[in-house]
Amino acid sequence: MSRDDAIAEEAAMHGVGLKKRHIFPIALCIIFFTIFFMFMVWKKITWIFLIGTNIGLFAHFMYLRRKAKRAGGMGGESYVKDGGMEIS
């Protein structure tokens, strides 16, 4: 990862209110619950959890994209990250 990407990632995480120390426990919980549901052979709950996680991540991505688009100005042609760099 380049220095610019690292700065942009840090700015985006700060803008949402996340810290780097939050990411690892969240990922561990998702992995733990997925494996737990799989071992309990709860197929419907496992799929609902996995699809729900994907929908949640997509919704979060769209929220960040819309927030960056509003910060970019009225032109709407380019998205701007919190660090001031454009998203292609």
C-alpha atoms as a PDB file:
ATOM      1  CA  MET A   1       0.000   0.000   0.000  1.00  0.00           C
ATOM      2  CA  SER A   2       1.366   3.381  -0.910  1.00  0.00           C
ATOM      3  CA  ARG A   3       1.654   6.235   1.538  1.00  0.00           C
ATOM      4  CA  ASP A   4      -1.208   8.112  -0.129  1.00  0.00           C
ATOM      5  CA  ASP A   5      -3.503   5.093   0.146  1.00  0.00           C
ATOM      6  CA  ALA A   6      -2.616   4.651   3.817  1.00  0.00           C
ATOM      7  CA  ILE A   7      -3.388   8.307   4.544  1.00  0.00           C
ATOM      8  CA  ALA A   8      -6.688   8.081   2.654  1.00  0.00           C
ATOM      9  CA  GLU A   9      -7.659   4.908   4.516  1.00  0.00           C
ATOM     10  CA  GLU A  10      -6.818   6.471   7.874  1.00  0.00           C
ATOM     11  CA  ALA A  11      -8.847   9.591   7.019  1.00  0.00           C
ATOM     12  CA  ALA A  12     -11.856   7.518   5.919  1.00  0.00           C
ATOM     13  CA  MET A  13     -11.738   5.429   9.102  1.00  0.00           C
ATOM     14  CA  HIS A  14     -11.425   8.544  11.239  1.00  0.00           C
ATOM     15  CA  GLY A  15     -14.351  10.162   9.421  1.00  0.00           C
ATOM     16  CA  VAL A  16     -16.589   7.210  10.276  1.00  0.00           C
ATOM     17  CA  GLY A  17     -15.377   6.972  13.847  1.00  0.00           C
ATOM     18  CA  LEU A  18     -13.465   3.690  13.590  1.00  0.00           C
ATOM     19  CA  LYS A  19     -10.021   3.094  14.946  1.00  0.00           C
ATOM     20  CA  LYS A  20      -7.596   0.456  13.740  1.00  0.00           C
ATOM     21  CA  ARG A  21      -7.911  -1.400  17.022  1.00  0.00           C
ATOM     22  CA  HIS A  22     -11.637  -1.979  16.305  1.00  0.00           C
ATOM     23  CA  ILE A  23     -11.130  -3.756  12.977  1.00  0.00           C
ATOM     24  CA  PHE A  24      -9.426  -6.933  14.241  1.00  0.00           C
ATOM     25  CA  PRO A  25     -12.040  -7.792  16.938  1.00  0.00           C
ATOM     26  CA  ILE A  26     -14.888  -7.158  14.496  1.00  0.00           C
ATOM     27  CA  ALA A  27     -13.315  -9.490  11.926  1.00  0.00           C
ATOM     28  CA  LEU A  28     -12.693 -12.135  14.597  1.00  0.00           C
ATOM     29  CA  CYS A  29     -16.313 -11.988  15.747  1.00  0.00           C
ATOM     30  CA  ILE A  30     -17.608 -12.397  12.207  1.00  0.00           C
ATOM     31  CA  ILE A  31     -15.317 -15.382  11.633  1.00  0.00           C
ATOM     32  CA  PHE A  32     -16.208 -16.925  14.999  1.00  0.00           C
ATOM     33  CA  PHE A  33     -19.966 -16.625  14.481  1.00  0.00           C
ATOM     34  CA  THR A  34     -19.730 -17.977  10.940  1.00  0.00           C
ATOM     35  CA  ILE A  35     -17.772 -21.037  12.070  1.00  0.00           C
ATOM     36  CA  PHE A  36     -20.069 -21.527  15.069  1.00  0.00           C
ATOM     37  CA  PHE A  37     -23.179 -21.450  12.869  1.00  0.00           C
ATOM     38  CA  MET A  38     -21.515 -23.864  10.425  1.00  0.00           C
ATOM     39  CA  PHE A  39     -20.605 -26.380  13.150  1.00  0.00           C
ATOM     40  CA  MET A  40     -24.110 -26.228  14.583  1.00  0.00           C
ATOM     41  CA  VAL A  41     -25.371 -27.038  11.048  1.00  0.00           C
ATOM     42  CA  TRP A  42     -27.702 -24.068  11.076  1.00  0.00           C
ATOM     43  CA  LYS A  43     -27.691 -23.549   7.314  1.00  0.00           C
ATOM     44  CA  LYS A  44     -30.356 -20.859   7.147  1.00  0.00           C
ATOM     45  CA  ILE A  45     -28.855 -18.789   9.961  1.00  0.00           C
ATOM     46  CA  THR A  46     -25.373 -19.157   8.457  1.00  0.00           C
ATOM     47  CA  TRP A  47     -26.521 -17.929   5.055  1.00  0.00           C
ATOM     48  CA  ILE A  48     -28.575 -15.117   6.551  1.00  0.00           C
ATOM     49  CA  PHE A  49     -25.552 -14.030   8.599  1.00  0.00           C
ATOM     50  CA  LEU A  50     -23.166 -14.162   5.614  1.00  0.00           C
ATOM     51  CA  ILE A  51     -25.539 -12.364   3.252  1.00  0.00           C
ATOM     52  CA  GLY A  52     -26.406  -9.834   5.962  1.00  0.00           C
ATOM     53  CA  THR A  53     -22.719  -9.138   6.509  1.00  0.00           C
ATOM     54  CA  ASN A  54     -22.226  -8.548   2.780  1.00  0.00           C
ATOM     55  CA  ILE A  55     -25.262  -6.266   2.608  1.00  0.00           C
ATOM     56  CA  GLY A  56     -24.011  -4.329   5.629  1.00  0.00           C
ATOM     57  CA  LEU A  57     -20.568  -3.863   4.095  1.00  0.00           C
ATOM     58  CA  PHE A  58     -22.113  -2.766   0.787  1.00  0.00           C
ATOM     59  CA  ALA A  59     -24.407  -0.293   2.571  1.00  0.00           C
ATOM     60  CA  HIS A  60     -21.431   1.115   4.451  1.00  0.00           C
ATOM     61  CA  PHE A  61     -19.499   1.467   1.183  1.00  0.00           C
ATOM     62  CA  MET A  62     -22.409   3.295  -0.436  1.00  0.00           C
ATOM     63  CA  TYR A  63     -22.713   5.587   2.605  1.00  0.00           C
ATOM     64  CA  LEU A  64     -19.024   6.499   2.353  1.00  0.00           C
ATOM     65  CA  ARG A  65     -19.305   6.986  -1.407  1.00  0.00           C
ATOM     66  CA  ARG A  66     -22.307   9.308  -1.073  1.00  0.00           C
ATOM     67  CA  LYS A  67     -20.603  11.228   1.719  1.00  0.00           C
ATOM     68  CA  ALA A  68     -17.495  11.668  -0.438  1.00  0.00           C
ATOM     69  CA  LYS A  69     -19.620  12.692  -3.427  1.00  0.00           C
ATOM     70  CA  ARG A  70     -21.347  15.417  -1.385  1.00  0.00           C
ATOM     71  CA  ALA A  71     -17.976  16.657  -0.167  1.00  0.00           C
ATOM     72  CA  GLY A  72     -16.749  16.845  -3.777  1.00  0.00           C
ATOM     73  CA  GLY A  73     -18.984  19.753  -4.703  1.00  0.00           C
ATOM     74  CA  MET A  74     -21.878  20.253  -7.069  1.00  0.00           C
ATOM     75  CA  GLY A  75     -20.115  18.930 -10.165  1.00  0.00           C
ATOM     76  CA  GLY A  76     -20.514  15.331  -9.116  1.00  0.00           C
ATOM     77  CA  GLU A  77     -17.945  14.187 -11.652  1.00  0.00           C
ATOM     78  CA  SER A  78     -15.272  13.121  -9.197  1.00  0.00           C
ATOM     79  CA  TYR A  79     -15.392  11.595  -5.764  1.00  0.00           C
ATOM     80  CA  VAL A  80     -13.103  13.046  -3.159  1.00  0.00           C
ATOM     81  CA  LYS A  81     -11.696  11.123  -0.228  1.00  0.00           C
ATOM     82  CA  ASP A  82     -11.346  12.808   3.143  1.00  0.00           C
ATOM     83  CA  GLY A  83      -7.623  13.135   2.463  1.00  0.00           C
ATOM     84  CA  GLY A  84      -8.376  15.239  -0.618  1.00  0.00           C
ATOM     85  CA  MET A  85      -7.453  12.584  -3.171  1.00  0.00           C
ATOM     86  CA  GLU A  86      -9.771  11.561  -6.008  1.00  0.00           C
ATOM     87  CA  ILE A  87     -11.354   8.125  -6.252  1.00  0.00           C
ATOM     88  CA  SER A  88     -11.321   6.786  -9.781  1.00  0.00           C
END
